[in-house]
Amino acid sequence: MRAWRAENPIKAALAQLRGRAKRKKLEFDLTIEWFTEFWNGWKYDSTIHHIDRISAGRGYVMGNLQVLTIGDNIAK
C-alpha cells in the first residue's frame, strides 16, 4: 500500500478525503479530474501543506477546499 501511495499521491489523497467525508457523514463530490487540477494548481507538497475545508459546515465539495501550510492550519 505504501508503494501505491508513493506512486499515486493524488489518488491516495483523494481516497483519504473520501474516507474522511464518509466517517464524518459529509457530502463529497470531488472528481479525479477536478482534484488533479486543484492539486497541481497549488503545487501541493504533503510535507508542508494540508487540504482544509473553507466552511466546516460543508463537505468535501468543489469550491470548499483550500490549501494551507501546516502552521496556518494549526493556527486556524
C-alpha atoms as a PDB file:
ATOM      1  CA  MET A   1       0.000   0.000   0.000  1.00  0.00           C
ATOM      2  CA  ARG A   2       2.817   2.433   0.800  1.00  0.00           C
ATOM      3  CA  ALA A   3       4.321   1.891  -2.632  1.00  0.00           C
ATOM      4  CA  TRP A   4       0.974   2.571  -4.301  1.00  0.00           C
ATOM      5  CA  ARG A   5       0.509   5.803  -2.288  1.00  0.00           C
ATOM      6  CA  ALA A   6       4.008   6.941  -3.232  1.00  0.00           C
ATOM      7  CA  GLU A   7       3.347   6.248  -6.907  1.00  0.00           C
ATOM      8  CA  ASN A   8      -0.189   7.746  -6.884  1.00  0.00           C
ATOM      9  CA  PRO A   9      -0.181  10.692  -4.434  1.00  0.00           C
ATOM     10  CA  ILE A  10      -3.195  12.429  -5.973  1.00  0.00           C
ATOM     11  CA  LYS A  11      -5.380   9.313  -5.969  1.00  0.00           C
ATOM     12  CA  ALA A  12      -4.221   8.477  -2.434  1.00  0.00           C
ATOM     13  CA  ALA A  13      -5.084  11.970  -1.158  1.00  0.00           C
ATOM     14  CA  LEU A  14      -8.489  11.847  -2.855  1.00  0.00           C
ATOM     15  CA  ALA A  15      -9.196   8.443  -1.304  1.00  0.00           C
ATOM     16  CA  GLN A  16      -8.212   9.806   2.110  1.00  0.00           C
ATOM     17  CA  LEU A  17     -10.592  12.766   1.737  1.00  0.00           C
ATOM     18  CA  ARG A  18     -13.392  10.436   0.561  1.00  0.00           C
ATOM     19  CA  GLY A  19     -12.880   8.244   3.629  1.00  0.00           C
ATOM     20  CA  ARG A  20     -12.846  11.259   5.940  1.00  0.00           C
ATOM     21  CA  ALA A  21     -16.088  12.542   4.392  1.00  0.00           C
ATOM     22  CA  LYS A  22     -17.696   9.143   4.847  1.00  0.00           C
ATOM     23  CA  ARG A  23     -16.616   8.894   8.506  1.00  0.00           C
ATOM     24  CA  LYS A  24     -17.889  12.402   9.241  1.00  0.00           C
ATOM     25  CA  LYS A  25     -21.049  11.840   7.163  1.00  0.00           C
ATOM     26  CA  LEU A  26     -20.258  14.836   4.951  1.00  0.00           C
ATOM     27  CA  GLU A  27     -21.021  15.493   1.307  1.00  0.00           C
ATOM     28  CA  PHE A  28     -18.313  14.505  -1.190  1.00  0.00           C
ATOM     29  CA  ASP A  29     -18.427  15.371  -4.895  1.00  0.00           C
ATOM     30  CA  LEU A  30     -14.772  15.645  -5.934  1.00  0.00           C
ATOM     31  CA  THR A  31     -13.705  14.062  -9.199  1.00  0.00           C
ATOM     32  CA  ILE A  32     -10.201  12.896 -10.024  1.00  0.00           C
ATOM     33  CA  GLU A  33     -10.029  15.433 -12.858  1.00  0.00           C
ATOM     34  CA  TRP A  34     -11.022  18.389 -10.666  1.00  0.00           C
ATOM     35  CA  PHE A  35      -8.808  17.273  -7.792  1.00  0.00           C
ATOM     36  CA  THR A  36      -5.789  16.832 -10.098  1.00  0.00           C
ATOM     37  CA  GLU A  37      -6.167  20.443 -11.309  1.00  0.00           C
ATOM     38  CA  PHE A  38      -6.619  21.627  -7.713  1.00  0.00           C
ATOM     39  CA  TRP A  39      -3.535  19.688  -6.566  1.00  0.00           C
ATOM     40  CA  ASN A  40      -1.317  20.859  -9.423  1.00  0.00           C
ATOM     41  CA  GLY A  41      -2.546  24.447  -9.206  1.00  0.00           C
ATOM     42  CA  TRP A  42      -1.339  24.736  -5.621  1.00  0.00           C
ATOM     43  CA  LYS A  43       1.966  22.913  -6.135  1.00  0.00           C
ATOM     44  CA  TYR A  44       0.811  20.763  -3.221  1.00  0.00           C
ATOM     45  CA  ASP A  45       3.508  19.176  -1.054  1.00  0.00           C
ATOM     46  CA  SER A  46       2.194  16.927   1.709  1.00  0.00           C
ATOM     47  CA  THR A  47       5.220  17.638   3.908  1.00  0.00           C
ATOM     48  CA  ILE A  48       4.280  21.323   4.273  1.00  0.00           C
ATOM     49  CA  HIS A  49       0.607  21.594   3.269  1.00  0.00           C
ATOM     50  CA  HIS A  50      -2.815  20.465   4.479  1.00  0.00           C
ATOM     51  CA  ILE A  51      -6.045  20.376   2.495  1.00  0.00           C
ATOM     52  CA  ASP A  52      -8.670  22.221   4.523  1.00  0.00           C
ATOM     53  CA  ARG A  53     -12.378  22.874   4.142  1.00  0.00           C
ATOM     54  CA  ILE A  54     -13.158  26.601   3.898  1.00  0.00           C
ATOM     55  CA  SER A  55     -16.559  26.186   5.513  1.00  0.00           C
ATOM     56  CA  ALA A  56     -16.578  23.500   8.195  1.00  0.00           C
ATOM     57  CA  GLY A  57     -20.339  23.063   7.783  1.00  0.00           C
ATOM     58  CA  ARG A  58     -19.977  21.947   4.181  1.00  0.00           C
ATOM     59  CA  GLY A  59     -18.408  18.750   2.986  1.00  0.00           C
ATOM     60  CA  TYR A  60     -15.568  17.952   0.660  1.00  0.00           C
ATOM     61  CA  VAL A  61     -17.038  19.616  -2.391  1.00  0.00           C
ATOM     62  CA  MET A  62     -15.633  21.636  -5.265  1.00  0.00           C
ATOM     63  CA  GLY A  63     -15.129  25.214  -4.178  1.00  0.00           C
ATOM     64  CA  ASN A  64     -14.934  24.407  -0.467  1.00  0.00           C
ATOM     65  CA  LEU A  65     -11.300  23.336  -0.294  1.00  0.00           C
ATOM     66  CA  GLN A  66      -8.156  25.327   0.255  1.00  0.00           C
ATOM     67  CA  VAL A  67      -4.516  24.509   0.768  1.00  0.00           C
ATOM     68  CA  LEU A  68      -2.881  25.829   3.931  1.00  0.00           C
ATOM     69  CA  THR A  69       0.582  25.403   5.325  1.00  0.00           C
ATOM     70  CA  ILE A  70       0.588  23.093   8.301  1.00  0.00           C
ATOM     71  CA  GLY A  71       1.347  26.022  10.624  1.00  0.00           C
ATOM     72  CA  ASP A  72      -1.535  28.113   9.241  1.00  0.00           C
ATOM     73  CA  ASN A  73      -3.933  25.183   9.575  1.00  0.00           C
ATOM     74  CA  ILE A  74      -2.923  24.545  13.183  1.00  0.00           C
ATOM     75  CA  ALA A  75      -3.280  28.267  13.996  1.00  0.00           C
ATOM     76  CA  LYS A  76      -6.737  28.305  12.417  1.00  0.00           C
END
